[in-house]
């Protein structure tokens, strides 16, 4: 059994929770989710498809709605505190899962 006060010696048990390295900060994340008003911006010479992409990427209400649909509290998520190494490890795991699924799909055919 792990002593959660001694995290340096934490040992992961198979099919159990794993620790995530997070830097907790005292920032108001609402400061980062502010709508951008395109009406006041100078006109753009970009293609309409690219302008639409920027519009969708800057649509804060879409992000807030997606978080609400997943029953996640946007004020409690420490996304900005995740360490790069943890994100790279997660990405690696997802790619391994993707390749395993592709292998199994090929075997089924």
Protein backbone atom coordinates (compact mmCIF):
# COMPACT_ATOMS: atom_id res chain seq x y z
CA UNK A 1 0.00 0.00 0.00
CA UNK A 2 1.29 3.44 -0.90
CA UNK A 3 2.01 6.20 1.58
CA UNK A 4 0.51 9.23 -0.16
CA UNK A 5 2.67 11.56 1.93
CA UNK A 6 5.79 10.01 0.35
CA UNK A 7 5.03 10.49 -3.36
CA UNK A 8 8.65 10.05 -4.44
CA UNK A 9 8.34 6.35 -3.58
CA UNK A 10 4.86 5.88 -5.04
CA UNK A 11 4.45 2.56 -6.85
CA UNK A 12 1.68 2.22 -9.41
CA UNK A 13 -0.50 -0.85 -9.04
CA UNK A 14 -1.81 -2.38 -12.25
CA UNK A 15 -5.33 -1.28 -13.22
CA UNK A 16 -5.37 1.32 -10.46
CA UNK A 17 -5.05 5.08 -10.36
CA UNK A 18 -1.81 6.69 -11.44
CA UNK A 19 -0.35 9.95 -10.18
CA UNK A 20 -0.20 12.91 -12.54
CA UNK A 21 2.49 15.54 -12.19
CA UNK A 22 0.65 18.84 -11.88
CA UNK A 23 1.85 22.30 -10.94
CA UNK A 24 -1.03 23.90 -9.08
CA UNK A 25 -1.21 27.63 -9.44
CA UNK A 26 -3.47 30.28 -8.02
CA UNK A 27 -4.64 31.90 -11.23
CA UNK A 28 -8.08 32.78 -12.39
CA UNK A 29 -8.51 30.69 -15.53
CA UNK A 30 -11.44 32.85 -16.55
CA UNK A 31 -8.84 35.41 -17.55
CA UNK A 32 -7.82 33.09 -20.38
CA UNK A 33 -11.35 32.42 -21.60
CA UNK A 34 -12.49 35.79 -22.84
CA UNK A 35 -14.48 36.18 -26.03
CA UNK A 36 -12.79 37.86 -28.95
CA UNK A 37 -14.97 40.25 -30.89
CA UNK A 38 -14.16 40.10 -34.59
CA UNK A 39 -16.34 43.11 -35.36
CA UNK A 40 -13.72 45.53 -34.02
CA UNK A 41 -10.83 43.85 -35.83
CA UNK A 42 -9.48 45.16 -39.14
CA UNK A 43 -10.75 43.36 -42.23
CA UNK A 44 -8.76 40.30 -43.23
CA UNK A 45 -7.51 39.21 -46.64
CA UNK A 46 -7.42 35.54 -45.61
CA UNK A 47 -9.52 32.95 -47.38
CA UNK A 48 -12.97 32.53 -45.88
CA UNK A 49 -12.20 28.93 -44.78
CA UNK A 50 -9.18 30.14 -42.78
CA UNK A 51 -11.17 33.00 -41.26
CA UNK A 52 -13.84 30.49 -40.25
CA UNK A 53 -11.18 28.29 -38.61
CA UNK A 54 -9.89 31.22 -36.54
CA UNK A 55 -13.43 32.12 -35.58
CA UNK A 56 -14.12 28.56 -34.39
CA UNK A 57 -10.82 28.33 -32.49
CA UNK A 58 -11.55 31.58 -30.65
CA UNK A 59 -15.16 30.68 -29.81
CA UNK A 60 -14.95 30.57 -26.01
CA UNK A 61 -18.59 29.60 -25.56
CA UNK A 62 -17.94 26.41 -27.55
CA UNK A 63 -15.17 25.41 -25.13
CA UNK A 64 -17.29 26.24 -22.09
CA UNK A 65 -20.24 24.30 -23.53
CA UNK A 66 -18.03 21.26 -24.26
CA UNK A 67 -16.71 21.28 -20.69
CA UNK A 68 -20.25 21.54 -19.33
CA UNK A 69 -21.43 18.64 -21.52
CA UNK A 70 -18.64 16.52 -20.05
CA UNK A 71 -19.70 17.63 -16.53
CA UNK A 72 -16.29 19.22 -15.96
CA UNK A 73 -15.78 22.35 -13.90
CA UNK A 74 -13.61 24.68 -15.97
CA UNK A 75 -12.55 26.57 -12.83
CA UNK A 76 -11.09 23.45 -11.23
CA UNK A 77 -9.19 21.97 -14.16
CA UNK A 78 -5.45 22.59 -13.88
CA UNK A 79 -4.71 22.33 -17.62
CA UNK A 80 -2.19 25.14 -17.46
CA UNK A 81 -0.34 23.33 -14.68
CA UNK A 82 0.24 20.07 -16.53
CA UNK A 83 3.90 19.43 -17.13
CA UNK A 84 5.13 18.93 -20.69
CA UNK A 85 6.63 15.55 -19.78
CA UNK A 86 3.23 14.32 -18.55
CA UNK A 87 1.55 15.47 -21.78
CA UNK A 88 4.23 13.80 -23.92
CA UNK A 89 3.83 10.57 -21.95
CA UNK A 90 0.04 10.71 -22.42
CA UNK A 91 0.50 11.33 -26.15
CA UNK A 92 2.82 8.33 -26.41
CA UNK A 93 0.29 6.12 -24.64
CA UNK A 94 -2.50 7.29 -26.95
CA UNK A 95 -0.39 6.50 -30.03
CA UNK A 96 0.29 3.00 -28.65
CA UNK A 97 -3.44 2.49 -28.10
CA UNK A 98 -4.15 3.72 -31.63
CA UNK A 99 -1.65 1.28 -33.15
CA UNK A 100 -3.05 -1.64 -31.09
CA UNK A 101 -6.56 -0.84 -32.29
CA UNK A 102 -5.32 -0.68 -35.89
CA UNK A 103 -3.58 -4.07 -35.46
CA UNK A 104 -6.76 -5.65 -34.07
CA UNK A 105 -8.85 -4.17 -36.88
CA UNK A 106 -6.48 -5.71 -39.44
CA UNK A 107 -6.68 -9.09 -37.73
CA UNK A 108 -10.49 -8.99 -37.84
CA UNK A 109 -10.51 -8.43 -41.60
